[in-house]
Protein backbone atom coordinates (compact mmCIF):
# COMPACT_ATOMS: atom_id res chain seq x y z
CA MET A 1 177.85 114.26 130.48
CA ILE A 2 174.43 113.32 131.99
CA ASN A 3 173.45 115.16 135.01
CA SER A 4 172.86 112.73 137.92
CA SER A 5 169.85 114.52 139.24
CA PHE A 6 168.21 114.50 135.67
CA LEU A 7 168.95 110.75 135.36
CA LYS A 8 167.23 110.16 138.74
CA ARG A 9 164.20 112.07 137.55
CA VAL A 10 164.02 110.07 134.23
CA LEU A 11 164.40 106.74 136.10
CA THR A 12 161.72 107.79 138.69
CA PHE A 13 159.27 108.77 135.86
CA PHE A 14 159.90 105.50 134.02
CA ALA A 15 159.29 103.41 137.20
CA ALA A 16 156.10 105.33 137.82
CA CYS A 17 154.90 104.56 134.23
CA VAL A 18 155.74 100.84 134.58
CA LEU A 19 153.99 100.63 137.90
CA SER A 20 150.93 102.45 136.54
CA THR A 21 150.69 100.21 133.52
CA THR A 22 151.14 97.08 135.70
CA LEU A 23 148.37 98.17 137.99
CA THR A 24 146.12 99.07 135.07
CA PHE A 25 146.51 95.66 133.43
CA ALA A 26 146.00 94.01 136.81
CA ASP A 27 142.79 95.77 137.26
CA TYR A 28 141.78 94.96 133.65
CA ASN A 29 142.39 91.24 134.17
CA SER A 30 140.66 91.21 137.51
CA GLN A 31 137.50 92.58 135.91
CA GLY A 32 137.66 90.43 132.87
CA GLY A 33 138.46 93.41 130.55
CA TYR A 34 136.99 96.84 130.13
CA PRO A 35 133.34 97.02 129.21
CA GLU A 36 134.03 98.99 126.02
CA ARG A 37 136.49 96.32 124.96
CA CYS A 38 133.68 93.63 125.20
CA ASP A 39 131.33 95.24 122.67
CA PRO A 40 129.13 94.18 120.92
CA CYS A 41 128.44 91.07 123.07
CA TYR A 42 128.66 92.59 126.52
CA ASN A 43 125.27 93.46 128.13
CA PRO A 44 125.48 94.91 131.63
CA CYS A 45 121.73 94.54 132.08
CA LYS A 46 121.31 90.88 131.13
CA THR A 47 121.51 89.63 134.80
CA CYS A 48 119.31 92.31 136.39
CA ASP A 49 115.61 92.53 136.92
CA PRO A 50 114.01 93.89 133.74
CA CYS A 51 112.23 96.66 135.70
CA ASP A 52 115.09 97.57 137.98
CA PRO A 53 118.02 99.94 137.14
CA CYS A 54 120.97 98.24 135.67
CA PRO A 55 123.88 97.57 137.96
CA GLU A 56 127.28 99.07 137.64
CA PRO A 57 128.98 97.81 134.44
CA CYS A 58 130.98 94.66 135.16
CA CYS A 59 132.95 93.42 132.30
CA GLU A 60 132.43 89.77 131.22
CA PRO A 61 134.32 87.67 128.66
CA CYS A 62 133.25 88.36 125.12
CA ASP A 63 132.08 85.54 122.88
CA PRO A 64 131.32 86.07 119.15
CA CYS A 65 127.72 85.74 118.19
CA GLY A 66 126.81 82.11 117.57
CA MET A 67 129.62 80.77 119.76
CA THR A 68 127.61 80.77 123.05
CA CYS A 69 125.10 78.03 123.83
CA GLY A 70 121.76 79.21 125.07
CA GLY A 71 119.31 77.10 127.23
CA PHE A 72 116.13 75.25 126.42
CA GLU A 73 112.45 75.63 127.22
CA VAL A 74 109.87 72.94 127.01
CA GLY A 75 106.20 73.20 127.83
CA VAL A 76 102.70 71.92 127.55
CA ASP A 77 99.26 73.62 127.30
CA PHE A 78 96.04 71.99 128.14
CA ILE A 79 93.35 73.56 125.91
CA PHE A 80 89.60 73.74 126.35
CA TRP A 81 88.15 75.05 123.10
CA GLN A 82 84.80 75.43 121.33
CA PRO A 83 84.70 75.03 117.55
CA CYS A 84 82.46 77.26 115.50
CA PHE A 85 81.58 76.30 111.89
CA ASN A 86 79.39 77.94 109.19
CA ASP A 87 76.50 76.02 107.71
CA LEU A 88 75.92 73.09 110.10
CA SER A 89 72.18 72.84 109.75
CA TYR A 90 70.85 69.31 109.13
CA ALA A 91 67.07 69.56 109.23
CA ILE A 92 64.16 71.96 109.44
CA LEU A 93 60.97 71.31 111.50
CA PHE A 94 57.70 73.05 110.51
CA ASP A 95 54.81 73.42 112.92
CA THR A 96 52.40 72.50 110.15
CA ASN A 97 52.47 71.42 106.47
CA PRO A 98 54.09 74.16 104.40
CA ASN A 99 53.03 72.40 101.15
CA ALA A 100 49.23 72.22 101.94
CA SER A 101 46.76 73.60 99.45
CA GLY A 102 45.06 76.91 100.09
CA SER A 103 46.24 79.61 102.44
CA VAL A 104 49.15 78.39 104.63
CA THR A 105 51.04 79.89 107.54
CA ALA A 106 53.88 77.47 108.51
CA HIS A 107 56.67 78.35 110.86
CA GLY A 108 59.97 76.54 110.34
CA LYS A 109 62.90 76.14 112.70
CA TYR A 110 66.28 74.90 111.46
CA GLN A 111 68.13 72.24 113.47
CA TYR A 112 71.86 72.69 113.94
CA LEU A 113 74.82 70.56 115.06
CA ASP A 114 76.30 72.81 117.86
CA HIS A 115 79.67 71.85 119.39
CA CYS A 116 80.40 72.25 123.07
CA PHE A 117 83.80 72.92 124.71
CA ASP A 118 86.18 69.91 124.47
CA PRO A 119 89.73 69.37 125.74
CA GLY A 120 92.95 69.16 123.73
CA PHE A 121 96.67 69.77 124.14
CA ARG A 122 99.70 71.68 122.72
CA VAL A 123 103.33 70.84 123.34
CA TYR A 124 106.25 73.10 122.38
CA ALA A 125 110.02 73.43 122.78
CA LYS A 126 112.38 76.26 122.24
CA LYS A 127 116.18 76.61 121.76
CA LEU A 128 117.39 79.91 123.22
CA ASP A 129 120.09 81.86 121.44
CA ALA A 130 120.53 79.30 118.78
CA TRP A 131 122.46 81.74 116.63
CA CYS A 132 123.37 85.40 117.16
CA GLY A 133 120.41 86.20 119.39
CA TRP A 134 117.92 84.14 117.44
CA ASP A 135 115.77 81.60 119.18
CA VAL A 136 114.19 78.56 117.42
CA SER A 137 110.91 76.89 118.45
CA GLY A 138 108.43 74.28 117.44
CA SER A 139 104.96 73.15 118.60
CA TYR A 140 102.24 70.68 117.93
CA THR A 141 98.52 71.04 118.71
CA PHE A 142 95.83 68.38 118.74
CA TYR A 143 92.12 68.92 119.26
CA TRP A 144 89.01 66.75 118.70
CA SER A 145 85.35 67.51 119.04
CA LYS A 146 82.02 65.86 118.18
CA ALA A 147 78.52 67.30 117.93
CA SER A 148 75.35 65.18 117.58
CA HIS A 149 71.67 65.98 117.55
CA SER A 150 68.32 64.37 116.61
CA VAL A 151 64.80 65.63 115.93
CA SER A 152 61.40 63.92 115.55
CA ARG A 153 58.07 65.13 114.39
CA VAL A 154 54.57 64.78 115.74
CA SER A 155 51.42 65.56 113.74
CA PRO A 156 50.78 68.16 112.36
CA GLN A 157 54.51 68.94 112.22
CA GLU A 158 56.52 68.22 109.13
CA LEU A 159 60.23 67.40 108.98
CA TYR A 160 62.67 67.89 106.10
CA SER A 161 66.41 67.08 105.78
CA THR A 162 68.79 69.88 104.56
CA LEU A 163 71.54 67.34 103.77
CA ASP A 164 69.75 64.77 101.60
CA HIS A 165 70.00 65.26 97.81
CA GLY A 166 66.79 66.82 96.50
CA GLY A 167 66.65 64.46 93.46
CA PHE A 168 66.53 61.30 95.70
CA ASP A 169 64.86 62.44 98.88
CA LEU A 170 61.98 60.67 100.61
CA THR A 171 58.59 61.88 99.45
CA ALA A 172 57.20 64.98 101.14
CA GLN A 173 55.59 64.57 104.57
CA SER A 174 57.28 61.15 105.02
CA ILE A 175 60.23 61.80 107.31
CA THR A 176 59.50 60.90 110.90
CA SER A 177 62.95 61.49 112.54
CA ILE A 178 66.46 62.63 111.64
CA GLU A 179 69.69 62.17 113.60
CA ALA A 180 73.06 63.60 112.66
CA SER A 181 76.62 64.11 113.94
CA HIS A 182 79.69 66.16 113.07
CA ASN A 183 83.23 65.17 113.94
CA VAL A 184 86.24 67.47 113.65
CA ARG A 185 89.93 66.55 114.23
CA TYR A 186 92.33 69.58 114.17
CA GLN A 187 96.09 69.16 114.17
CA SER A 188 98.73 71.85 113.56
CA PHE A 189 102.39 72.27 113.87
CA ASP A 190 104.84 75.14 113.41
CA ALA A 191 108.59 75.88 113.30
CA LEU A 192 109.52 79.44 114.08
CA PHE A 193 112.50 81.81 114.49
CA HIS A 194 112.25 84.45 117.27
CA TYR A 195 114.24 87.64 117.92
CA GLU A 196 113.71 89.84 120.98
CA LEU A 197 113.87 93.61 120.37
CA ASN A 198 115.55 95.65 123.12
CA CYS A 199 113.86 98.93 122.26
CA CYS A 200 110.71 99.04 124.39
CA GLY A 201 111.78 99.89 127.98
CA PRO A 202 112.85 97.77 130.91
CA CYS A 203 109.44 96.35 131.67
CA HIS A 204 108.48 95.53 128.01
CA SER A 205 109.48 92.57 125.87
CA LEU A 206 108.65 92.55 122.15
CA THR A 207 109.61 89.45 120.14
CA PRO A 208 108.67 89.10 116.54
CA PHE A 209 108.75 85.67 114.94
CA TRP A 210 108.36 84.07 111.49
CA GLY A 211 108.40 80.57 110.12
CA ILE A 212 106.15 77.84 108.69
CA GLU A 213 102.85 76.29 109.87
CA GLY A 214 101.04 73.17 108.83
CA VAL A 215 97.44 72.22 109.43
CA LYS A 216 95.42 68.95 109.08
CA LEU A 217 91.74 69.39 109.38
CA GLU A 218 89.42 66.32 109.15
CA GLN A 219 85.67 66.43 109.23
CA ASP A 220 82.94 63.88 109.13
CA ILE A 221 79.12 64.48 108.80
CA PHE A 222 76.72 61.51 109.29
CA SER A 223 72.92 61.90 108.87
CA THR A 224 70.16 59.34 108.92
CA ALA A 225 66.56 60.21 107.99
CA THR A 226 63.78 57.64 108.62
CA GLY A 227 60.35 57.65 107.08
CA GLU A 228 58.28 56.26 104.21
CA SER A 229 58.54 56.27 100.45
CA SER A 230 55.46 55.14 98.42
CA GLU A 231 54.02 53.73 101.77
CA GLN A 232 57.27 51.63 102.18
CA SER A 233 59.75 51.97 105.00
CA ALA A 234 62.81 53.85 103.93
CA THR A 235 66.04 55.34 105.26
CA TYR A 236 68.20 58.10 103.77
CA ASN A 237 71.92 58.17 104.89
CA VAL A 238 74.45 60.94 104.14
CA ASN A 239 78.08 60.28 104.82
CA TRP A 240 80.48 63.16 104.17
CA ASP A 241 84.12 63.04 105.03
CA SER A 242 86.79 65.63 104.27
CA GLU A 243 90.48 66.02 104.83
CA LEU A 244 92.35 69.37 104.39
CA LEU A 245 96.17 69.37 104.37
CA GLY A 246 97.90 72.78 104.23
CA LEU A 247 101.33 74.29 104.67
CA GLY A 248 102.30 77.91 104.61
CA MET A 249 104.01 80.96 106.03
CA LYS A 250 103.42 82.33 109.60
CA LEU A 251 104.23 85.80 110.92
CA GLY A 252 103.61 87.28 114.36
CA THR A 253 104.89 88.71 117.55
CA ASP A 254 104.93 88.06 121.28
CA TYR A 255 104.58 90.86 123.85
CA TYR A 256 105.32 90.58 127.59
CA TYR A 257 104.78 93.29 130.23
CA LYS A 258 106.14 92.66 133.70
CA LEU A 259 103.55 93.52 136.38
CA MET A 260 105.32 92.43 139.72
CA CYS A 261 107.40 89.68 141.30
CA GLY A 262 107.57 87.35 138.34
CA LEU A 263 104.02 88.04 137.19
CA SER A 264 103.60 89.26 133.59
CA TRP A 265 100.87 90.04 131.15
CA PHE A 266 101.43 88.58 127.67
CA THR A 267 99.76 88.62 124.25
CA ARG A 268 100.51 86.89 120.99
CA ALA A 269 99.17 87.81 117.45
CA SER A 270 99.99 85.98 114.21
CA VAL A 271 98.69 85.50 110.71
CA THR A 272 99.18 82.46 108.44
CA VAL A 273 98.41 81.74 104.82
CA LEU A 274 98.22 78.04 103.92
CA ALA A 275 98.37 76.45 100.51
CA GLY A 276 96.55 73.13 100.73
CA ARG A 277 94.43 70.40 99.22
CA ASN A 278 90.94 69.31 100.04
CA GLU A 279 89.78 65.85 99.36
CA SER A 280 86.18 65.06 100.29
CA THR A 281 83.43 62.51 99.50
CA ASN A 282 79.73 63.11 99.90
CA THR A 283 77.91 59.76 99.69
CA GLN A 284 74.00 59.65 99.39
CA ILE A 285 72.40 56.31 100.21
CA ARG A 286 68.71 55.61 99.94
CA THR A 287 67.30 52.25 101.10
CA VAL A 288 63.70 51.19 100.62
CA GLN A 289 62.32 48.13 102.36
CA PRO A 290 61.14 45.37 102.54
CA THR A 291 62.95 44.25 99.36
CA PRO A 292 65.96 46.41 99.56
CA VAL A 293 66.25 48.93 96.74
CA ILE A 294 69.45 50.79 97.30
CA THR A 295 70.46 54.04 95.59
CA ASN A 296 74.16 54.75 96.32
CA ILE A 297 75.78 57.78 94.76
CA PRO A 298 79.15 59.26 95.99
CA PHE A 299 80.19 62.82 94.97
CA LYS A 300 83.93 63.24 95.20
CA THR A 301 85.89 66.51 95.49
CA CYS A 302 89.66 66.96 95.12
CA ASP A 303 90.87 70.52 94.67
CA ASP A 304 93.59 73.00 95.69
CA VAL A 305 92.76 75.82 98.06
CA CYS A 306 94.38 78.73 99.85
CA VAL A 307 93.41 79.11 103.59
CA PRO A 308 94.24 82.36 105.43
CA GLY A 309 93.89 82.55 109.15
CA PHE A 310 94.93 84.32 112.30
CA HIS A 311 95.62 83.44 115.96
CA LEU A 312 95.22 85.71 119.03
CA MET A 313 96.32 84.95 122.60
CA ALA A 314 96.24 86.90 125.87
CA GLY A 315 96.86 85.85 129.49
CA LEU A 316 98.97 86.01 132.57
CA SER A 317 102.29 84.27 133.21
CA TYR A 318 104.17 83.58 136.45
CA GLU A 319 107.79 82.71 136.44
CA LYS A 320 109.88 81.38 139.39
CA GLU A 321 113.61 80.30 139.69
CA TRP A 322 113.89 76.78 141.14
CA CYS A 323 117.04 74.77 141.60
CA GLY A 324 118.82 76.59 138.80
CA LYS A 325 115.88 76.17 136.46
CA THR A 326 113.06 78.42 135.48
CA LEU A 327 109.50 77.17 136.07
CA LYS A 328 106.72 79.21 134.38
CA ALA A 329 102.87 78.77 134.60
CA ARG A 330 100.46 80.54 132.32
CA ILE A 331 96.73 80.86 131.79
CA GLY A 332 94.74 82.77 129.21
CA TYR A 333 92.29 82.88 126.35
CA GLU A 334 92.89 82.35 122.65
CA PHE A 335 91.01 82.64 119.38
CA LEU A 336 91.84 81.03 115.94
CA ASP A 337 90.07 81.55 112.75
CA TRP A 338 90.52 79.88 109.40
CA TRP A 339 88.72 80.92 106.25
CA ASN A 340 87.93 78.98 103.15
CA VAL A 341 87.82 75.59 104.84
CA PRO A 342 85.85 72.56 103.44
CA GLN A 343 82.06 72.39 103.79
CA ILE A 344 79.44 69.91 102.75
CA ARG A 345 77.68 70.54 99.42
CA ARG A 346 73.91 71.06 99.39
CA PHE A 347 72.15 69.48 96.42
CA THR A 348 68.57 70.41 95.40
CA ASP A 349 67.58 68.52 92.24
CA GLY A 350 67.93 65.31 90.14
CA GLY A 351 67.91 64.51 86.51
CA ASN A 352 70.20 66.68 84.39
CA ASP A 353 70.72 68.90 87.47
CA ILE A 354 72.02 66.15 89.70
CA ALA A 355 75.45 67.56 90.01
CA ILE A 356 74.47 71.18 90.66
CA SER A 357 74.95 72.26 94.33
CA THR A 358 73.99 75.56 96.01
CA SER A 359 77.32 75.67 97.87
CA GLY A 360 80.92 74.95 96.92
CA PRO A 361 83.36 72.61 98.66
CA ASN A 362 85.45 75.37 100.32
CA GLY A 363 83.31 78.16 101.70
CA SER A 364 83.16 77.64 105.45
CA ASN A 365 84.96 79.33 108.36
CA LEU A 366 86.37 77.40 111.33
CA GLY A 367 86.73 79.39 114.58
CA LEU A 368 88.38 77.82 117.63
CA HIS A 369 88.26 79.67 120.94
CA GLY A 370 88.65 78.97 124.60
CA LEU A 371 90.97 78.67 127.62
CA PHE A 372 94.50 77.35 127.86
CA VAL A 373 96.47 76.46 131.00
CA GLY A 374 100.16 75.53 130.71
CA LEU A 375 103.50 74.78 132.42
CA GLU A 376 106.85 75.53 131.03
CA LEU A 377 110.37 74.45 132.24
CA GLY A 378 113.53 76.39 131.23
CA TYR A 379 117.04 75.16 131.80
């Protein structure tokens, strides 16, 4: 026979357990579940300021990686770059005749095609959290620049071209003026995967990336030398055009450091190796008047080439929330350098040595440096 007082104690204990369990589950549901139940997706710091202490853990619904949909970022940079090339001389001007008989002291000064700063643009877009914390981005850059220069001689000066073929050049001491120009059109695109590392402290953000990059580099050099040949009026034109197409692997990282109130310092460093193809034509045209006698010889190049390069960026970024969207402005300086890019051949002699050049078709460097100013919208 069950004791009534014992039965009352059992029922009281059971009721207390039921009530405790009910309150526990009510609290669990009101909070969206316990924080530890939400791992690995729950992040109590994701809504707080990166440089402030994290708030008290507040459980949020847990979605498997890849099931959430991140936002988008789109932006545009206005660039103001100066290109720097190797070997862009087109003439040399001597203060007196370097080929005169007897003792000679002649000072020569090379003439170069120097590029100034010119504008361009870069557009880019990024899909945030495309899959399991990975972001995906793409960008396109366009830049164009032109350099031109001319030089004339006055007696007793002497002028010589460094672009004309040595086997078909005007006779010595006959060139009176030379004008030349160099055009460069640079285009690039990339498609990258980014992953932010949460291991560098609350004010730091380190985001490595990798992907592919493509480059299209077009160059033109035009030169016209005017003078005499055998006491007849003559001109010597050089037309060189080149197109480099390359595609390769790109690796790098972004770094942000929060300074204050939405203001951050950022840097980017990346390296790329392209496998490409260079197609170029160097056409030498000599015309002697009055009865036109024309010598027209094109030298064509078509070869495969590997082009390594790197890209450095540094600047300041300011971010502001606006109507549920993120507006970001940035300004900074960047430097690109590509090795083994196409260059014009330099020929020195005719006859059996007509094809021998003192420089190869792929031995120049292209450096691009300057400022960029950009706007970015995130939503």
